[in-house]
Protein backbone atom coordinates (compact mmCIF):
# COMPACT_ATOMS: atom_id res chain seq x y z
CA UNK A 1 0.00 0.00 0.00
CA UNK A 2 2.75 2.49 0.90
CA UNK A 3 4.73 1.71 -2.25
CA UNK A 4 1.59 2.43 -4.29
CA UNK A 5 1.10 5.72 -2.42
CA UNK A 6 4.63 6.67 -3.40
CA UNK A 7 3.73 6.08 -7.06
CA UNK A 8 0.41 7.93 -6.83
CA UNK A 9 1.54 10.93 -4.77
CA UNK A 10 4.48 12.95 -6.14
CA UNK A 11 5.20 14.59 -2.76
CA UNK A 12 5.28 11.30 -0.84
CA UNK A 13 8.56 9.44 -0.45
CA UNK A 14 8.87 6.19 1.50
CA UNK A 15 12.17 5.35 3.18
CA UNK A 16 12.52 2.02 4.98
CA UNK A 17 15.37 0.74 7.11
CA UNK A 18 16.20 -2.08 9.46
CA UNK A 19 18.55 -1.49 12.33
CA UNK A 20 19.80 -5.09 12.48
CA UNK A 21 18.81 -7.10 9.40
CA UNK A 22 19.63 -10.78 9.36
CA UNK A 23 21.07 -12.55 6.34
CA UNK A 24 17.79 -14.41 5.82
CA UNK A 25 15.93 -11.08 5.56
CA UNK A 26 17.59 -10.45 2.17
CA UNK A 27 17.36 -6.75 3.04
CA UNK A 28 18.67 -4.43 0.34
CA UNK A 29 17.39 -1.06 1.57
CA UNK A 30 19.02 1.20 4.15
CA UNK A 31 20.39 -0.19 7.38
CA UNK A 32 20.79 1.62 10.67
CA UNK A 33 18.69 3.75 12.95
CA UNK A 34 15.99 6.07 11.70
CA UNK A 35 18.00 9.02 13.02
CA UNK A 36 20.85 7.95 10.71
CA UNK A 37 18.50 8.08 7.72
CA UNK A 38 17.25 11.52 8.70
CA UNK A 39 20.85 12.70 8.72
CA UNK A 40 21.52 11.00 5.37
CA UNK A 41 18.44 12.14 3.43
CA UNK A 42 17.13 15.35 4.99
CA UNK A 43 19.00 18.62 4.89
CA UNK A 44 16.13 21.00 5.62
CA UNK A 45 12.90 19.60 7.08
CA UNK A 46 11.08 22.91 7.43
CA UNK A 47 8.67 22.10 4.58
CA UNK A 48 8.12 18.41 5.41
CA UNK A 49 5.86 16.26 7.59
CA UNK A 50 6.69 13.07 9.48
CA UNK A 51 4.45 10.19 10.55
CA UNK A 52 6.08 7.93 13.13
CA UNK A 53 5.31 4.91 15.28
CA UNK A 54 7.53 3.01 17.67
CA UNK A 55 8.81 2.84 21.19
CA UNK A 56 8.85 6.05 23.25
CA UNK A 57 12.67 6.13 23.23
CA UNK A 58 12.83 5.84 19.43
CA UNK A 59 10.07 8.41 18.87
CA UNK A 60 11.72 10.90 21.22
CA UNK A 61 15.10 10.61 19.47
CA UNK A 62 13.53 10.92 16.01
CA UNK A 63 11.45 13.95 17.03
CA UNK A 64 14.58 15.62 18.41
CA UNK A 65 16.47 14.96 15.16
CA UNK A 66 13.59 16.25 13.01
CA UNK A 67 13.36 19.44 15.08
CA UNK A 68 17.13 19.87 14.71
CA UNK A 69 16.58 19.71 10.93
CA UNK A 70 13.98 22.49 11.14
CA UNK A 71 10.73 20.53 11.10
CA UNK A 72 7.97 22.35 12.97
CA UNK A 73 6.56 20.40 15.92
CA UNK A 74 3.06 20.63 14.44
CA UNK A 75 4.27 18.69 11.37
CA UNK A 76 5.35 15.67 13.43
CA UNK A 77 2.70 13.02 14.06
CA UNK A 78 3.41 9.92 16.10
CA UNK A 79 2.08 6.98 18.10
CA UNK A 80 4.28 5.71 20.92
CA UNK A 81 3.94 1.97 21.48
CA UNK A 82 4.26 0.98 25.12
PDB file of N, CA and C in Angstrom:
ATOM      1  N   UNK A   1       0.825  -1.194   0.000  1.00  0.00           N
ATOM      2  CA  UNK A   1       0.000   0.000   0.000  1.00  0.00           C
ATOM      3  C   UNK A   1       0.871   1.261   0.000  1.00  0.00           C
ATOM      4  N   UNK A   2       1.897   1.306   0.833  1.00  0.00           N
ATOM      5  CA  UNK A   2       2.749   2.492   0.895  1.00  0.00           C
ATOM      6  C   UNK A   2       3.549   2.684  -0.385  1.00  0.00           C
ATOM      7  N   UNK A   3       4.000   1.602  -0.979  1.00  0.00           N
ATOM      8  CA  UNK A   3       4.727   1.709  -2.254  1.00  0.00           C
ATOM      9  C   UNK A   3       3.813   2.276  -3.338  1.00  0.00           C
ATOM     10  N   UNK A   4       2.533   1.894  -3.320  1.00  0.00           N
ATOM     11  CA  UNK A   4       1.588   2.432  -4.287  1.00  0.00           C
ATOM     12  C   UNK A   4       1.340   3.912  -4.023  1.00  0.00           C
ATOM     13  N   UNK A   5       1.270   4.303  -2.757  1.00  0.00           N
ATOM     14  CA  UNK A   5       1.100   5.716  -2.425  1.00  0.00           C
ATOM     15  C   UNK A   5       2.262   6.540  -2.971  1.00  0.00           C
ATOM     16  N   UNK A   6       3.458   5.984  -2.892  1.00  0.00           N
ATOM     17  CA  UNK A   6       4.632   6.673  -3.403  1.00  0.00           C
ATOM     18  C   UNK A   6       4.508   6.905  -4.917  1.00  0.00           C
ATOM     19  N   UNK A   7       3.923   5.941  -5.612  1.00  0.00           N
ATOM     20  CA  UNK A   7       3.726   6.082  -7.056  1.00  0.00           C
ATOM     21  C   UNK A   7       2.631   7.100  -7.370  1.00  0.00           C
ATOM     22  N   UNK A   8       1.582   7.092  -6.563  1.00  0.00           N
ATOM     23  CA  UNK A   8       0.410   7.932  -6.833  1.00  0.00           C
ATOM     24  C   UNK A   8       0.564   9.371  -6.358  1.00  0.00           C
ATOM     25  N   UNK A   9       1.426   9.608  -5.392  1.00  0.00           N
ATOM     26  CA  UNK A   9       1.539  10.928  -4.773  1.00  0.00           C
ATOM     27  C   UNK A   9       2.957  11.469  -4.984  1.00  0.00           C
ATOM     28  N   UNK A  10       3.127  12.467  -5.819  1.00  0.00           N
ATOM     29  CA  UNK A  10       4.477  12.954  -6.138  1.00  0.00           C
ATOM     30  C   UNK A  10       5.229  13.562  -4.949  1.00  0.00           C
ATOM     31  N   UNK A  11       4.528  13.999  -3.924  1.00  0.00           N
ATOM     32  CA  UNK A  11       5.196  14.594  -2.762  1.00  0.00           C
ATOM     33  C   UNK A  11       5.387  13.609  -1.610  1.00  0.00           C
ATOM     34  N   UNK A  12       5.131  12.327  -1.858  1.00  0.00           N
ATOM     35  CA  UNK A  12       5.278  11.297  -0.839  1.00  0.00           C
ATOM     36  C   UNK A  12       6.477  10.425  -1.180  1.00  0.00           C
ATOM     37  N   UNK A  13       7.394  10.297  -0.234  1.00  0.00           N
ATOM     38  CA  UNK A  13       8.556   9.438  -0.449  1.00  0.00           C
ATOM     39  C   UNK A  13       8.700   8.503   0.743  1.00  0.00           C
ATOM     40  N   UNK A  14       8.749   7.220   0.472  1.00  0.00           N
ATOM     41  CA  UNK A  14       8.866   6.195   1.501  1.00  0.00           C
ATOM     42  C   UNK A  14      10.325   5.786   1.653  1.00  0.00           C
ATOM     43  N   UNK A  15      10.825   5.835   2.873  1.00  0.00           N
ATOM     44  CA  UNK A  15      12.174   5.348   3.178  1.00  0.00           C
ATOM     45  C   UNK A  15      12.047   4.294   4.268  1.00  0.00           C
ATOM     46  N   UNK A  16      12.574   3.123   4.010  1.00  0.00           N
ATOM     47  CA  UNK A  16      12.525   2.025   4.978  1.00  0.00           C
ATOM     48  C   UNK A  16      13.938   1.648   5.397  1.00  0.00           C
ATOM     49  N   UNK A  17      14.067   1.214   6.636  1.00  0.00           N
ATOM     50  CA  UNK A  17      15.367   0.744   7.109  1.00  0.00           C
ATOM     51  C   UNK A  17      15.161  -0.295   8.196  1.00  0.00           C
ATOM     52  N   UNK A  18      16.141  -1.137   8.348  1.00  0.00           N
ATOM     53  CA  UNK A  18      16.201  -2.085   9.459  1.00  0.00           C
ATOM     54  C   UNK A  18      17.473  -1.801  10.228  1.00  0.00           C
ATOM     55  N   UNK A  19      17.365  -1.781  11.536  1.00  0.00           N
ATOM     56  CA  UNK A  19      18.548  -1.488  12.332  1.00  0.00           C
ATOM     57  C   UNK A  19      19.502  -2.682  12.389  1.00  0.00           C
ATOM     58  N   UNK A  20      18.957  -3.896  12.395  1.00  0.00           N
ATOM     59  CA  UNK A  20      19.795  -5.087  12.480  1.00  0.00           C
ATOM     60  C   UNK A  20      19.240  -6.204  11.583  1.00  0.00           C
ATOM     61  N   UNK A  21      19.328  -6.039  10.274  1.00  0.00           N
ATOM     62  CA  UNK A  21      18.805  -7.097   9.398  1.00  0.00           C
ATOM     63  C   UNK A  21      19.636  -8.371   9.521  1.00  0.00           C
ATOM     64  N   UNK A  22      18.957  -9.480   9.359  1.00  0.00           N
ATOM     65  CA  UNK A  22      19.626 -10.780   9.357  1.00  0.00           C
ATOM     66  C   UNK A  22      19.848 -11.205   7.910  1.00  0.00           C
ATOM     67  N   UNK A  23      20.779 -12.084   7.696  1.00  0.00           N
ATOM     68  CA  UNK A  23      21.066 -12.554   6.341  1.00  0.00           C
ATOM     69  C   UNK A  23      19.812 -13.086   5.660  1.00  0.00           C
ATOM     70  N   UNK A  24      18.984 -13.814   6.406  1.00  0.00           N
ATOM     71  CA  UNK A  24      17.787 -14.410   5.822  1.00  0.00           C
ATOM     72  C   UNK A  24      16.713 -13.382   5.468  1.00  0.00           C
ATOM     73  N   UNK A  25      16.869 -12.139   5.926  1.00  0.00           N
ATOM     74  CA  UNK A  25      15.925 -11.080   5.557  1.00  0.00           C
ATOM     75  C   UNK A  25      16.105 -10.645   4.103  1.00  0.00           C
ATOM     76  N   UNK A  26      17.281 -10.892   3.540  1.00  0.00           N
ATOM     77  CA  UNK A  26      17.588 -10.447   2.173  1.00  0.00           C
ATOM     78  C   UNK A  26      17.289  -8.949   2.008  1.00  0.00           C
ATOM     79  N   UNK A  27      17.654  -8.185   3.000  1.00  0.00           N
ATOM     80  CA  UNK A  27      17.363  -6.748   3.041  1.00  0.00           C
ATOM     81  C   UNK A  27      18.343  -5.992   2.160  1.00  0.00           C
ATOM     82  N   UNK A  28      17.813  -5.185   1.240  1.00  0.00           N
ATOM     83  CA  UNK A  28      18.675  -4.428   0.337  1.00  0.00           C
ATOM     84  C   UNK A  28      18.528  -2.920   0.514  1.00  0.00           C
ATOM     85  N   UNK A  29      17.568  -2.487   1.325  1.00  0.00           N
ATOM     86  CA  UNK A  29      17.391  -1.055   1.572  1.00  0.00           C
ATOM     87  C   UNK A  29      18.346  -0.587   2.669  1.00  0.00           C
ATOM     88  N   UNK A  30      18.132   0.626   3.143  1.00  0.00           N
ATOM     89  CA  UNK A  30      19.016   1.203   4.150  1.00  0.00           C
ATOM     90  C   UNK A  30      19.048   0.393   5.434  1.00  0.00           C
ATOM     91  N   UNK A  31      20.202   0.452   6.081  1.00  0.00           N
ATOM     92  CA  UNK A  31      20.391  -0.186   7.381  1.00  0.00           C
ATOM     93  C   UNK A  31      20.826   0.865   8.388  1.00  0.00           C
ATOM     94  N   UNK A  32      20.412   0.693   9.620  1.00  0.00           N
ATOM     95  CA  UNK A  32      20.788   1.622  10.673  1.00  0.00           C
ATOM     96  C   UNK A  32      19.571   2.139  11.398  1.00  0.00           C
ATOM     97  N   UNK A  33      19.785   3.135  12.189  1.00  0.00           N
ATOM     98  CA  UNK A  33      18.690   3.746  12.951  1.00  0.00           C
ATOM     99  C   UNK A  33      18.007   4.812  12.102  1.00  0.00           C
ATOM    100  N   UNK A  34      16.758   5.071  12.440  1.00  0.00           N
ATOM    101  CA  UNK A  34      15.991   6.070  11.704  1.00  0.00           C
ATOM    102  C   UNK A  34      16.694   7.424  11.765  1.00  0.00           C
ATOM    103  N   UNK A  35      17.289   7.736  12.900  1.00  0.00           N
ATOM    104  CA  UNK A  35      17.996   9.016  13.021  1.00  0.00           C
ATOM    105  C   UNK A  35      19.161   9.099  12.028  1.00  0.00           C
ATOM    106  N   UNK A  36      19.784   7.971  11.714  1.00  0.00           N
ATOM    107  CA  UNK A  36      20.850   7.949  10.713  1.00  0.00           C
ATOM    108  C   UNK A  36      20.302   8.294   9.329  1.00  0.00           C
ATOM    109  N   UNK A  37      19.106   7.786   9.019  1.00  0.00           N
ATOM    110  CA  UNK A  37      18.498   8.079   7.721  1.00  0.00           C
ATOM    111  C   UNK A  37      18.081   9.536   7.615  1.00  0.00           C
ATOM    112  N   UNK A  38      17.603  10.103   8.707  1.00  0.00           N
ATOM    113  CA  UNK A  38      17.250  11.521   8.697  1.00  0.00           C
ATOM    114  C   UNK A  38      18.495  12.337   8.361  1.00  0.00           C
ATOM    115  N   UNK A  39      19.590  11.993   8.986  1.00  0.00           N
ATOM    116  CA  UNK A  39      20.850  12.695   8.725  1.00  0.00           C
ATOM    117  C   UNK A  39      21.285  12.512   7.271  1.00  0.00           C
ATOM    118  N   UNK A  40      21.080  11.324   6.730  1.00  0.00           N
ATOM    119  CA  UNK A  40      21.521  11.002   5.367  1.00  0.00           C
ATOM    120  C   UNK A  40      20.659  11.676   4.298  1.00  0.00           C
ATOM    121  N   UNK A  41      19.342  11.716   4.495  1.00  0.00           N
ATOM    122  CA  UNK A  41      18.444  12.136   3.430  1.00  0.00           C
ATOM    123  C   UNK A  41      17.830  13.524   3.584  1.00  0.00           C
ATOM    124  N   UNK A  42      17.834  14.086   4.777  1.00  0.00           N
ATOM    125  CA  UNK A  42      17.125  15.352   4.991  1.00  0.00           C
ATOM    126  C   UNK A  42      18.103  16.445   5.390  1.00  0.00           C
ATOM    127  N   UNK A  43      18.162  17.466   4.570  1.00  0.00           N
ATOM    128  CA  UNK A  43      19.003  18.618   4.892  1.00  0.00           C
ATOM    129  C   UNK A  43      18.185  19.688   5.617  1.00  0.00           C
ATOM    130  N   UNK A  44      17.015  19.993   5.056  1.00  0.00           N
ATOM    131  CA  UNK A  44      16.125  21.003   5.618  1.00  0.00           C
ATOM    132  C   UNK A  44      14.725  20.411   5.690  1.00  0.00           C
ATOM    133  N   UNK A  45      14.205  20.226   6.890  1.00  0.00           N
ATOM    134  CA  UNK A  45      12.898  19.600   7.080  1.00  0.00           C
ATOM    135  C   UNK A  45      11.783  20.609   7.311  1.00  0.00           C
ATOM    136  N   UNK A  46      12.058  21.874   7.090  1.00  0.00           N
ATOM    137  CA  UNK A  46      11.082  22.912   7.426  1.00  0.00           C
ATOM    138  C   UNK A  46       9.797  22.825   6.602  1.00  0.00           C
ATOM    139  N   UNK A  47       9.857  22.196   5.431  1.00  0.00           N
ATOM    140  CA  UNK A  47       8.674  22.100   4.584  1.00  0.00           C
ATOM    141  C   UNK A  47       8.165  20.666   4.464  1.00  0.00           C
ATOM    142  N   UNK A  48       8.492  19.821   5.455  1.00  0.00           N
ATOM    143  CA  UNK A  48       8.122  18.409   5.406  1.00  0.00           C
ATOM    144  C   UNK A  48       7.236  18.038   6.591  1.00  0.00           C
ATOM    145  N   UNK A  49       6.629  16.843   6.507  1.00  0.00           N
ATOM    146  CA  UNK A  49       5.861  16.258   7.594  1.00  0.00           C
ATOM    147  C   UNK A  49       6.429  14.877   7.874  1.00  0.00           C
ATOM    148  N   UNK A  50       6.243  14.412   9.112  1.00  0.00           N
ATOM    149  CA  UNK A  50       6.693  13.065   9.479  1.00  0.00           C
ATOM    150  C   UNK A  50       5.577  12.342  10.216  1.00  0.00           C
ATOM    151  N   UNK A  51       5.430  11.065   9.906  1.00  0.00           N
ATOM    152  CA  UNK A  51       4.451  10.187  10.550  1.00  0.00           C
ATOM    153  C   UNK A  51       5.222   9.009  11.119  1.00  0.00           C
ATOM    154  N   UNK A  52       5.209   8.880  12.439  1.00  0.00           N
ATOM    155  CA  UNK A  52       6.079   7.934  13.128  1.00  0.00           C
ATOM    156  C   UNK A  52       5.290   7.001  14.029  1.00  0.00           C
ATOM    157  N   UNK A  53       5.821   5.808  14.238  1.00  0.00           N
ATOM    158  CA  UNK A  53       5.315   4.914  15.277  1.00  0.00           C
ATOM    159  C   UNK A  53       6.503   4.106  15.792  1.00  0.00           C
ATOM    160  N   UNK A  54       6.449   3.775  17.072  1.00  0.00           N
ATOM    161  CA  UNK A  54       7.530   3.007  17.666  1.00  0.00           C
ATOM    162  C   UNK A  54       7.582   3.190  19.164  1.00  0.00           C
ATOM    163  N   UNK A  55       8.651   2.734  19.748  1.00  0.00           N
ATOM    164  CA  UNK A  55       8.810   2.842  21.195  1.00  0.00           C
ATOM    165  C   UNK A  55       9.012   4.309  21.586  1.00  0.00           C
ATOM    166  N   UNK A  56       8.667   4.665  22.815  1.00  0.00           N
ATOM    167  CA  UNK A  56       8.854   6.053  23.251  1.00  0.00           C
ATOM    168  C   UNK A  56      10.282   6.556  23.068  1.00  0.00           C
ATOM    169  N   UNK A  57      11.266   5.723  23.360  1.00  0.00           N
ATOM    170  CA  UNK A  57      12.666   6.131  23.225  1.00  0.00           C
ATOM    171  C   UNK A  57      13.011   6.457  21.771  1.00  0.00           C
ATOM    172  N   UNK A  58      12.561   5.613  20.853  1.00  0.00           N
ATOM    173  CA  UNK A  58      12.828   5.843  19.426  1.00  0.00           C
ATOM    174  C   UNK A  58      12.108   7.102  18.955  1.00  0.00           C
ATOM    175  N   UNK A  59      10.839   7.231  19.298  1.00  0.00           N
ATOM    176  CA  UNK A  59      10.073   8.407  18.866  1.00  0.00           C
ATOM    177  C   UNK A  59      10.726   9.680  19.385  1.00  0.00           C
ATOM    178  N   UNK A  60      11.108   9.701  20.649  1.00  0.00           N
ATOM    179  CA  UNK A  60      11.723  10.899  21.219  1.00  0.00           C
ATOM    180  C   UNK A  60      13.010  11.277  20.484  1.00  0.00           C
ATOM    181  N   UNK A  61      13.833  10.292  20.156  1.00  0.00           N
ATOM    182  CA  UNK A  61      15.097  10.607  19.471  1.00  0.00           C
ATOM    183  C   UNK A  61      14.846  11.079  18.038  1.00  0.00           C
ATOM    184  N   UNK A  62      13.847  10.507  17.379  1.00  0.00           N
ATOM    185  CA  UNK A  62      13.531  10.921  16.009  1.00  0.00           C
ATOM    186  C   UNK A  62      12.937  12.329  16.001  1.00  0.00           C
ATOM    187  N   UNK A  63      12.041  12.605  16.939  1.00  0.00           N
ATOM    188  CA  UNK A  63      11.449  13.945  17.025  1.00  0.00           C
ATOM    189  C   UNK A  63      12.542  14.986  17.265  1.00  0.00           C
ATOM    190  N   UNK A  64      13.469  14.692  18.157  1.00  0.00           N
ATOM    191  CA  UNK A  64      14.584  15.621  18.410  1.00  0.00           C
ATOM    192  C   UNK A  64      15.381  15.882  17.133  1.00  0.00           C
ATOM    193  N   UNK A  65      15.684  14.825  16.386  1.00  0.00           N
ATOM    194  CA  UNK A  65      16.468  14.960  15.157  1.00  0.00           C
ATOM    195  C   UNK A  65      15.702  15.761  14.109  1.00  0.00           C
ATOM    196  N   UNK A  66      14.402  15.510  13.977  1.00  0.00           N
ATOM    197  CA  UNK A  66      13.594  16.254  13.010  1.00  0.00           C
ATOM    198  C   UNK A  66      13.515  17.737  13.376  1.00  0.00           C
ATOM    199  N   UNK A  67      13.373  18.033  14.650  1.00  0.00           N
ATOM    200  CA  UNK A  67      13.359  19.438  15.084  1.00  0.00           C
ATOM    201  C   UNK A  67      14.705  20.087  14.790  1.00  0.00           C
ATOM    202  N   UNK A  68      15.790  19.348  15.018  1.00  0.00           N
ATOM    203  CA  UNK A  68      17.128  19.872  14.709  1.00  0.00           C
ATOM    204  C   UNK A  68      17.263  20.213  13.219  1.00  0.00           C
ATOM    205  N   UNK A  69      16.539  19.481  12.379  1.00  0.00           N
ATOM    206  CA  UNK A  69      16.577  19.706  10.933  1.00  0.00           C
ATOM    207  C   UNK A  69      15.561  20.766  10.495  1.00  0.00           C
ATOM    208  N   UNK A  70      14.875  21.392  11.451  1.00  0.00           N
ATOM    209  CA  UNK A  70      13.976  22.492  11.140  1.00  0.00           C
ATOM    210  C   UNK A  70      12.513  22.137  10.976  1.00  0.00           C
ATOM    211  N   UNK A  71      12.129  20.900  11.250  1.00  0.00           N
ATOM    212  CA  UNK A  71      10.734  20.526  11.104  1.00  0.00           C
ATOM    213  C   UNK A  71       9.908  21.108  12.247  1.00  0.00           C
ATOM    214  N   UNK A  72       8.829  21.819  11.919  1.00  0.00           N
ATOM    215  CA  UNK A  72       7.967  22.355  12.974  1.00  0.00           C
ATOM    216  C   UNK A  72       7.293  21.228  13.757  1.00  0.00           C
ATOM    217  N   UNK A  73       7.164  21.409  15.043  1.00  0.00           N
ATOM    218  CA  UNK A  73       6.556  20.403  15.923  1.00  0.00           C
ATOM    219  C   UNK A  73       5.170  19.985  15.423  1.00  0.00           C
ATOM    220  N   UNK A  74       4.424  20.943  14.892  1.00  0.00           N
ATOM    221  CA  UNK A  74       3.057  20.632  14.442  1.00  0.00           C
ATOM    222  C   UNK A  74       3.031  19.806  13.155  1.00  0.00           C
ATOM    223  N   UNK A  75       4.187  19.539  12.559  1.00  0.00           N
ATOM    224  CA  UNK A  75       4.268  18.686  11.369  1.00  0.00           C
ATOM    225  C   UNK A  75       4.744  17.276  11.704  1.00  0.00           C
ATOM    226  N   UNK A  76       4.875  16.988  12.998  1.00  0.00           N
ATOM    227  CA  UNK A  76       5.348  15.669  13.435  1.00  0.00           C
ATOM    228  C   UNK A  76       4.193  14.945  14.125  1.00  0.00           C
ATOM    229  N   UNK A  77       3.798  13.824  13.535  1.00  0.00           N
ATOM    230  CA  UNK A  77       2.696  13.024  14.058  1.00  0.00           C
ATOM    231  C   UNK A  77       3.263  11.675  14.486  1.00  0.00           C
ATOM    232  N   UNK A  78       2.843  11.190  15.651  1.00  0.00           N
ATOM    233  CA  UNK A  78       3.405   9.919  16.101  1.00  0.00           C
ATOM    234  C   UNK A  78       2.475   9.164  17.026  1.00  0.00           C
ATOM    235  N   UNK A  79       2.765   7.877  17.167  1.00  0.00           N
ATOM    236  CA  UNK A  79       2.082   6.979  18.103  1.00  0.00           C
ATOM    237  C   UNK A  79       3.186   6.208  18.827  1.00  0.00           C
ATOM    238  N   UNK A  80       3.276   6.428  20.120  1.00  0.00           N
ATOM    239  CA  UNK A  80       4.275   5.707  20.923  1.00  0.00           C
ATOM    240  C   UNK A  80       3.687   4.387  21.395  1.00  0.00           C
ATOM    241  N   UNK A  81       4.370   3.302  21.061  1.00  0.00           N
ATOM    242  CA  UNK A  81       3.937   1.968  21.482  1.00  0.00           C
ATOM    243  C   UNK A  81       4.580   1.635  22.830  1.00  0.00           C
ATOM    244  N   UNK A  82       3.764   1.341  23.777  1.00  0.00           N
ATOM    245  CA  UNK A  82       4.257   0.982  25.119  1.00  0.00           C
ATOM    246  C   UNK A  82       4.463  -0.506  25.228  1.00  0.00           C
TER     247      UNK A  82
END
